[in-house]
Every structure is written in structure tokens, then in C-alpha cells.
Amino acid sequence: MFAHYTQGSNNLSIAARFYDVVLAPLGIQRRDDINAEVICYVSSDKHAPRFFLVAPFNNDKATVGNGTMIAFHAANRNQVDESYQNGINSGGTDEGAPGNRLQYADGYYGAYLRDPDGNKIHIVHRGDLGS
């Protein structure tokens, strides 16, 4: 559905350190630094969407979108827990600790946090309650 998602950051080195540890348990790795203003993350699935961190191209300050959030898929609950804890330990802030979110669907397990720039992210596993 999506080719990629691009998110602005005011400090790419801090943002990269945060996303390196949050996304690693999900099998999403930093591909390489395309240039000083762009960082790319990919999964082992070559057709999956890519996630880019950028310094805004217009040189204005990156800002947080009200109501904007990106969700990353986890293969299991342990990945949700590990990604969330890595994020908290790397300068993120809690927006909802890991747990069942039965208001969405049976077996929906997720966590919410904000990155060091204040962007809201969600780590989610969709599966039966026993997984």
C-alpha cells in the first residue's frame, strides 16, 4: 500500500540512535545514510515500505503533526515489549505501555511512545491472545 513514510527530525543523530534500537527487535535495520539529511530503514522484505528520517528540505524546523502517528508491525508481543523498552531507554516518552487493546480487536497488543522529537509511534502485534 505505502512505498515509504518520511518523518522530519531536528537532530538526526539522536533520532537515528532512538530508531536503531526501537526498530531492531522488529527486524528493521538502517540501510545506510543516503546523505547528511536522510536516513533510511528497511526490513528484510524488499517490498515492505521504507521509513525515512530527514532534516526538513526547506530548512524550517521539523514539527509534530497533531493526530499523526506511524505504527510498526511486530511479529509477537515480546517484540512490542522490547521495542517499547528500548525506546524509553533511548530518550522516548511513554504514551501507553505495552498491553492488550481489546477496544480495537481481539488479540491486538501494542505500545505507544514518542520519539525524542515528539513524534508519536506505535508498535503493534495483531494475533490471538495466546501469542
N, C-alpha and C. Protein backbone atom coordinates (compact mmCIF):
# COMPACT_ATOMS: atom_id res chain seq x y z
N MET A 1 0.82 -1.18 0.00
CA MET A 1 0.00 0.00 0.00
C MET A 1 0.87 1.26 0.00
N PHE A 2 1.81 1.34 0.94
CA PHE A 2 2.68 2.51 1.02
C PHE A 2 4.06 2.17 0.47
N ALA A 3 4.67 3.11 -0.20
CA ALA A 3 6.04 2.93 -0.66
C ALA A 3 7.02 3.30 0.46
N HIS A 4 6.71 4.40 1.15
CA HIS A 4 7.57 4.83 2.26
C HIS A 4 6.85 5.87 3.11
N TYR A 5 7.43 6.10 4.27
CA TYR A 5 6.95 7.12 5.19
C TYR A 5 8.15 7.98 5.55
N THR A 6 8.00 9.28 5.48
CA THR A 6 9.09 10.20 5.79
C THR A 6 8.71 11.03 7.00
N GLN A 7 9.62 11.12 7.95
CA GLN A 7 9.38 11.86 9.18
C GLN A 7 10.53 12.83 9.40
N GLY A 8 10.21 14.05 9.75
CA GLY A 8 11.22 15.06 10.00
C GLY A 8 11.82 14.95 11.38
N SER A 9 13.07 15.36 11.48
CA SER A 9 13.76 15.40 12.77
C SER A 9 14.65 16.63 12.82
N ASN A 10 14.77 17.19 14.03
CA ASN A 10 15.65 18.33 14.24
C ASN A 10 17.05 17.91 14.66
N ASN A 11 17.24 16.63 14.95
CA ASN A 11 18.56 16.13 15.31
C ASN A 11 18.65 14.68 14.82
N LEU A 12 19.14 14.50 13.61
CA LEU A 12 19.16 13.17 13.01
C LEU A 12 20.01 12.17 13.78
N SER A 13 21.08 12.60 14.39
CA SER A 13 21.92 11.63 15.12
C SER A 13 21.18 11.08 16.34
N ILE A 14 20.46 11.93 17.07
CA ILE A 14 19.68 11.47 18.22
C ILE A 14 18.51 10.60 17.74
N ALA A 15 17.83 11.05 16.69
CA ALA A 15 16.70 10.27 16.15
C ALA A 15 17.18 8.91 15.66
N ALA A 16 18.30 8.86 14.98
CA ALA A 16 18.82 7.58 14.46
C ALA A 16 19.16 6.63 15.60
N ARG A 17 19.79 7.12 16.65
CA ARG A 17 20.10 6.25 17.79
C ARG A 17 18.82 5.68 18.39
N PHE A 18 17.78 6.51 18.50
CA PHE A 18 16.49 6.07 19.03
C PHE A 18 15.88 4.99 18.12
N TYR A 19 15.75 5.27 16.84
CA TYR A 19 15.10 4.32 15.93
C TYR A 19 15.94 3.08 15.69
N ASP A 20 17.25 3.17 15.76
CA ASP A 20 18.10 1.98 15.62
C ASP A 20 17.69 0.91 16.64
N VAL A 21 17.51 1.32 17.89
CA VAL A 21 17.21 0.34 18.95
C VAL A 21 15.72 -0.01 19.03
N VAL A 22 14.85 0.92 18.66
CA VAL A 22 13.41 0.62 18.68
C VAL A 22 13.06 -0.35 17.56
N LEU A 23 13.62 -0.16 16.38
CA LEU A 23 13.24 -0.97 15.22
C LEU A 23 14.00 -2.28 15.10
N ALA A 24 15.16 -2.40 15.74
CA ALA A 24 15.96 -3.63 15.64
C ALA A 24 15.19 -4.89 16.04
N PRO A 25 14.44 -4.90 17.16
CA PRO A 25 13.71 -6.12 17.51
C PRO A 25 12.66 -6.52 16.47
N LEU A 26 12.26 -5.57 15.62
CA LEU A 26 11.25 -5.82 14.60
C LEU A 26 11.87 -6.28 13.28
N GLY A 27 13.20 -6.40 13.25
CA GLY A 27 13.87 -6.80 12.03
C GLY A 27 14.02 -5.67 11.02
N ILE A 28 13.88 -4.44 11.50
CA ILE A 28 14.02 -3.27 10.63
C ILE A 28 15.38 -2.63 10.94
N GLN A 29 16.20 -2.50 9.93
CA GLN A 29 17.57 -2.01 10.11
C GLN A 29 17.81 -0.75 9.28
N ARG A 30 18.74 0.05 9.77
CA ARG A 30 19.16 1.21 8.99
C ARG A 30 19.93 0.71 7.78
N ARG A 31 19.48 1.06 6.60
CA ARG A 31 20.14 0.63 5.37
C ARG A 31 21.48 1.33 5.23
N ASP A 32 21.43 2.61 5.19
CA ASP A 32 22.63 3.43 5.15
C ASP A 32 22.19 4.88 5.20
N ASP A 33 23.14 5.74 5.44
CA ASP A 33 22.83 7.16 5.38
C ASP A 33 22.96 7.57 3.92
N ILE A 34 21.85 7.96 3.33
CA ILE A 34 21.86 8.36 1.93
C ILE A 34 22.69 9.62 1.77
N ASN A 35 22.51 10.56 2.66
CA ASN A 35 23.34 11.75 2.75
C ASN A 35 23.16 12.31 4.15
N ALA A 36 23.70 13.45 4.41
CA ALA A 36 23.66 14.00 5.77
C ALA A 36 22.25 14.34 6.24
N GLU A 37 21.29 14.45 5.32
CA GLU A 37 19.94 14.84 5.70
C GLU A 37 18.91 13.72 5.60
N VAL A 38 19.33 12.50 5.22
CA VAL A 38 18.37 11.41 5.02
C VAL A 38 18.90 10.12 5.61
N ILE A 39 18.07 9.45 6.43
CA ILE A 39 18.40 8.13 6.97
C ILE A 39 17.25 7.20 6.57
N CYS A 40 17.60 6.01 6.09
CA CYS A 40 16.61 5.06 5.59
C CYS A 40 16.62 3.77 6.40
N TYR A 41 15.42 3.27 6.76
CA TYR A 41 15.26 1.99 7.46
C TYR A 41 14.46 1.06 6.56
N VAL A 42 14.88 -0.21 6.52
CA VAL A 42 14.21 -1.22 5.70
C VAL A 42 14.11 -2.52 6.48
N SER A 43 13.14 -3.34 6.09
CA SER A 43 13.03 -4.69 6.66
C SER A 43 13.61 -5.68 5.66
N SER A 44 13.64 -6.94 6.04
CA SER A 44 14.18 -7.96 5.14
C SER A 44 13.26 -8.19 3.95
N ASP A 45 11.99 -7.80 4.07
CA ASP A 45 11.04 -7.89 2.96
C ASP A 45 11.30 -6.70 2.03
N LYS A 46 11.87 -6.97 0.88
CA LYS A 46 12.26 -5.90 -0.04
C LYS A 46 11.08 -5.08 -0.54
N HIS A 47 9.86 -5.61 -0.42
CA HIS A 47 8.69 -4.89 -0.90
C HIS A 47 7.97 -4.12 0.21
N ALA A 48 8.44 -4.26 1.44
CA ALA A 48 7.81 -3.55 2.55
C ALA A 48 8.12 -2.06 2.43
N PRO A 49 7.26 -1.23 2.99
CA PRO A 49 7.53 0.21 2.96
C PRO A 49 8.84 0.56 3.67
N ARG A 50 9.46 1.61 3.24
CA ARG A 50 10.67 2.12 3.88
C ARG A 50 10.29 3.27 4.79
N PHE A 51 11.11 3.47 5.80
CA PHE A 51 10.92 4.55 6.77
C PHE A 51 12.13 5.47 6.67
N PHE A 52 11.88 6.74 6.41
CA PHE A 52 12.94 7.72 6.26
C PHE A 52 12.87 8.75 7.38
N LEU A 53 14.03 9.11 7.90
CA LEU A 53 14.18 10.26 8.79
C LEU A 53 14.91 11.33 8.01
N VAL A 54 14.41 12.55 8.06
CA VAL A 54 15.03 13.63 7.29
C VAL A 54 15.09 14.91 8.09
N ALA A 55 16.09 15.70 7.77
CA ALA A 55 16.08 17.10 8.17
C ALA A 55 15.20 17.78 7.11
N PRO A 56 14.21 18.59 7.50
CA PRO A 56 13.32 19.17 6.50
C PRO A 56 14.08 19.87 5.37
N PHE A 57 13.65 19.56 4.16
CA PHE A 57 14.34 20.07 2.98
C PHE A 57 14.23 21.58 2.83
N ASN A 58 13.18 22.18 3.43
CA ASN A 58 13.02 23.63 3.32
C ASN A 58 13.78 24.38 4.41
N ASN A 59 14.54 23.64 5.22
CA ASN A 59 15.35 24.21 6.30
C ASN A 59 14.54 24.79 7.46
N ASP A 60 13.22 24.63 7.45
CA ASP A 60 12.42 25.02 8.61
C ASP A 60 12.55 23.93 9.67
N LYS A 61 12.14 24.26 10.89
CA LYS A 61 12.17 23.30 11.99
C LYS A 61 11.15 22.18 11.74
N ALA A 62 11.55 20.93 12.02
CA ALA A 62 10.60 19.81 11.97
C ALA A 62 9.61 19.96 13.11
N THR A 63 8.34 19.72 12.83
CA THR A 63 7.31 19.82 13.85
C THR A 63 6.49 18.53 13.89
N VAL A 64 5.81 18.32 14.99
CA VAL A 64 5.00 17.13 15.21
C VAL A 64 3.61 17.38 14.64
N GLY A 65 3.08 16.41 13.92
CA GLY A 65 1.73 16.52 13.38
C GLY A 65 0.71 16.13 14.44
N ASN A 66 -0.28 16.97 14.67
CA ASN A 66 -1.33 16.67 15.63
C ASN A 66 -2.24 15.59 15.03
N GLY A 67 -2.30 14.45 15.67
CA GLY A 67 -3.08 13.33 15.17
C GLY A 67 -2.29 12.41 14.25
N THR A 68 -1.03 12.70 14.04
CA THR A 68 -0.18 11.89 13.18
C THR A 68 0.56 10.85 14.00
N MET A 69 0.59 9.62 13.49
CA MET A 69 1.29 8.53 14.17
C MET A 69 1.67 7.50 13.12
N ILE A 70 2.83 6.89 13.30
CA ILE A 70 3.21 5.76 12.46
C ILE A 70 3.23 4.52 13.33
N ALA A 71 2.75 3.40 12.78
CA ALA A 71 2.72 2.14 13.51
C ALA A 71 3.67 1.16 12.84
N PHE A 72 4.45 0.45 13.65
CA PHE A 72 5.37 -0.57 13.17
C PHE A 72 4.85 -1.93 13.62
N HIS A 73 4.84 -2.88 12.69
CA HIS A 73 4.33 -4.23 12.98
C HIS A 73 5.37 -5.05 13.72
N ALA A 74 4.93 -5.75 14.75
CA ALA A 74 5.77 -6.69 15.50
C ALA A 74 5.25 -8.10 15.26
N ALA A 75 6.16 -9.06 15.16
CA ALA A 75 5.77 -10.45 14.92
C ALA A 75 5.17 -11.10 16.16
N ASN A 76 5.47 -10.55 17.34
CA ASN A 76 4.96 -11.13 18.58
C ASN A 76 4.98 -10.08 19.69
N ARG A 77 4.40 -10.43 20.81
CA ARG A 77 4.32 -9.50 21.95
C ARG A 77 5.69 -9.14 22.51
N ASN A 78 6.60 -10.09 22.53
CA ASN A 78 7.94 -9.81 23.05
C ASN A 78 8.62 -8.71 22.26
N GLN A 79 8.41 -8.68 20.96
CA GLN A 79 8.99 -7.61 20.15
C GLN A 79 8.37 -6.26 20.50
N VAL A 80 7.07 -6.24 20.76
CA VAL A 80 6.41 -5.00 21.19
C VAL A 80 7.07 -4.51 22.48
N ASP A 81 7.18 -5.41 23.46
CA ASP A 81 7.75 -5.05 24.76
C ASP A 81 9.18 -4.55 24.63
N GLU A 82 9.99 -5.28 23.86
CA GLU A 82 11.41 -4.91 23.71
C GLU A 82 11.58 -3.58 22.99
N SER A 83 10.83 -3.39 21.91
CA SER A 83 10.93 -2.13 21.17
C SER A 83 10.52 -0.94 22.04
N TYR A 84 9.42 -1.11 22.76
CA TYR A 84 8.94 -0.05 23.65
C TYR A 84 10.00 0.28 24.71
N GLN A 85 10.53 -0.75 25.38
CA GLN A 85 11.52 -0.50 26.43
C GLN A 85 12.79 0.12 25.86
N ASN A 86 13.23 -0.34 24.70
CA ASN A 86 14.39 0.28 24.04
C ASN A 86 14.14 1.75 23.77
N GLY A 87 12.93 2.07 23.34
CA GLY A 87 12.58 3.46 23.07
C GLY A 87 12.59 4.31 24.32
N ILE A 88 12.02 3.81 25.39
CA ILE A 88 12.02 4.55 26.66
C ILE A 88 13.45 4.75 27.15
N ASN A 89 14.28 3.72 27.02
CA ASN A 89 15.68 3.81 27.46
C ASN A 89 16.53 4.71 26.57
N SER A 90 16.01 5.05 25.40
CA SER A 90 16.78 5.86 24.43
C SER A 90 16.19 7.25 24.25
N GLY A 91 15.50 7.75 25.24
CA GLY A 91 15.02 9.13 25.20
C GLY A 91 13.59 9.31 24.77
N GLY A 92 12.87 8.21 24.54
CA GLY A 92 11.46 8.32 24.21
C GLY A 92 10.61 8.53 25.45
N THR A 93 9.37 8.93 25.25
CA THR A 93 8.45 9.12 26.37
C THR A 93 7.22 8.25 26.18
N ASP A 94 6.69 7.77 27.29
CA ASP A 94 5.54 6.87 27.29
C ASP A 94 4.27 7.57 26.82
N GLU A 95 3.53 6.89 25.95
CA GLU A 95 2.20 7.33 25.53
C GLU A 95 1.20 6.20 25.71
N GLY A 96 1.64 5.08 26.30
CA GLY A 96 0.77 3.93 26.51
C GLY A 96 1.60 2.67 26.56
N ALA A 97 1.80 2.14 27.76
CA ALA A 97 2.66 0.96 27.95
C ALA A 97 2.12 -0.25 27.19
N PRO A 98 2.97 -1.23 26.92
CA PRO A 98 2.52 -2.43 26.21
C PRO A 98 1.35 -3.10 26.92
N GLY A 99 0.40 -3.53 26.12
CA GLY A 99 -0.75 -4.23 26.67
C GLY A 99 -1.78 -4.54 25.61
N ASN A 100 -2.79 -5.31 26.01
CA ASN A 100 -3.91 -5.63 25.12
C ASN A 100 -4.71 -4.37 24.86
N ARG A 101 -5.16 -4.22 23.64
CA ARG A 101 -6.02 -3.11 23.24
C ARG A 101 -7.29 -3.72 22.65
N LEU A 102 -8.09 -4.31 23.53
CA LEU A 102 -9.27 -5.05 23.09
C LEU A 102 -10.32 -4.16 22.45
N GLN A 103 -10.23 -2.84 22.65
CA GLN A 103 -11.17 -1.94 22.01
C GLN A 103 -10.97 -1.92 20.49
N TYR A 104 -9.81 -2.38 20.01
CA TYR A 104 -9.54 -2.41 18.57
C TYR A 104 -9.89 -3.75 17.96
N ALA A 105 -9.41 -4.83 18.54
CA ALA A 105 -9.69 -6.16 18.01
C ALA A 105 -9.16 -7.19 19.00
N ASP A 106 -9.77 -8.35 18.98
CA ASP A 106 -9.29 -9.45 19.80
C ASP A 106 -7.86 -9.79 19.39
N GLY A 107 -6.96 -9.84 20.34
CA GLY A 107 -5.58 -10.17 20.06
C GLY A 107 -4.71 -8.99 19.66
N TYR A 108 -5.24 -7.77 19.73
CA TYR A 108 -4.47 -6.57 19.38
C TYR A 108 -3.64 -6.17 20.59
N TYR A 109 -2.33 -6.18 20.46
CA TYR A 109 -1.41 -5.88 21.56
C TYR A 109 -0.45 -4.80 21.07
N GLY A 110 -0.33 -3.74 21.83
CA GLY A 110 0.51 -2.66 21.35
C GLY A 110 1.04 -1.76 22.44
N ALA A 111 1.92 -0.87 22.03
CA ALA A 111 2.52 0.13 22.91
C ALA A 111 2.67 1.43 22.12
N TYR A 112 2.60 2.55 22.84
CA TYR A 112 2.72 3.86 22.22
C TYR A 112 3.83 4.65 22.91
N LEU A 113 4.60 5.38 22.14
CA LEU A 113 5.59 6.27 22.71
C LEU A 113 5.89 7.40 21.76
N ARG A 114 6.59 8.37 22.26
CA ARG A 114 7.04 9.49 21.43
C ARG A 114 8.55 9.44 21.31
N ASP A 115 9.04 9.75 20.12
CA ASP A 115 10.48 9.78 19.89
C ASP A 115 11.07 11.07 20.47
N PRO A 116 12.39 11.25 20.45
CA PRO A 116 12.98 12.46 21.04
C PRO A 116 12.50 13.77 20.41
N ASP A 117 12.00 13.74 19.16
CA ASP A 117 11.45 14.94 18.53
C ASP A 117 9.99 15.16 18.89
N GLY A 118 9.36 14.19 19.57
CA GLY A 118 7.95 14.32 19.95
C GLY A 118 6.98 13.63 19.01
N ASN A 119 7.48 12.95 17.98
CA ASN A 119 6.60 12.22 17.06
C ASN A 119 6.05 10.98 17.74
N LYS A 120 4.76 10.72 17.55
CA LYS A 120 4.12 9.57 18.16
C LYS A 120 4.31 8.34 17.28
N ILE A 121 4.74 7.23 17.92
CA ILE A 121 4.87 5.97 17.21
C ILE A 121 4.13 4.88 17.98
N HIS A 122 3.80 3.84 17.27
CA HIS A 122 3.04 2.72 17.83
C HIS A 122 3.71 1.44 17.38
N ILE A 123 3.91 0.52 18.30
CA ILE A 123 4.43 -0.81 17.99
C ILE A 123 3.26 -1.76 18.24
N VAL A 124 2.88 -2.56 17.24
CA VAL A 124 1.68 -3.36 17.35
C VAL A 124 1.89 -4.79 16.88
N HIS A 125 1.28 -5.70 17.61
CA HIS A 125 1.19 -7.11 17.20
C HIS A 125 -0.29 -7.46 17.13
N ARG A 126 -0.69 -8.01 16.01
CA ARG A 126 -2.07 -8.49 15.84
C ARG A 126 -2.01 -10.01 15.81
N GLY A 127 -2.60 -10.62 16.80
CA GLY A 127 -2.60 -12.07 16.88
C GLY A 127 -3.57 -12.54 17.94
N ASP A 128 -3.67 -13.83 18.10
CA ASP A 128 -4.57 -14.31 19.15
C ASP A 128 -3.98 -13.98 20.52
N LEU A 129 -4.80 -13.98 21.54
CA LEU A 129 -4.36 -13.58 22.87
C LEU A 129 -3.31 -14.52 23.45
N GLY A 130 -3.16 -15.69 22.90
CA GLY A 130 -2.17 -16.64 23.42
C GLY A 130 -0.78 -16.46 22.86
N SER A 131 -0.61 -15.60 21.88
CA SER A 131 0.72 -15.46 21.26
C SER A 131 1.55 -14.37 21.86
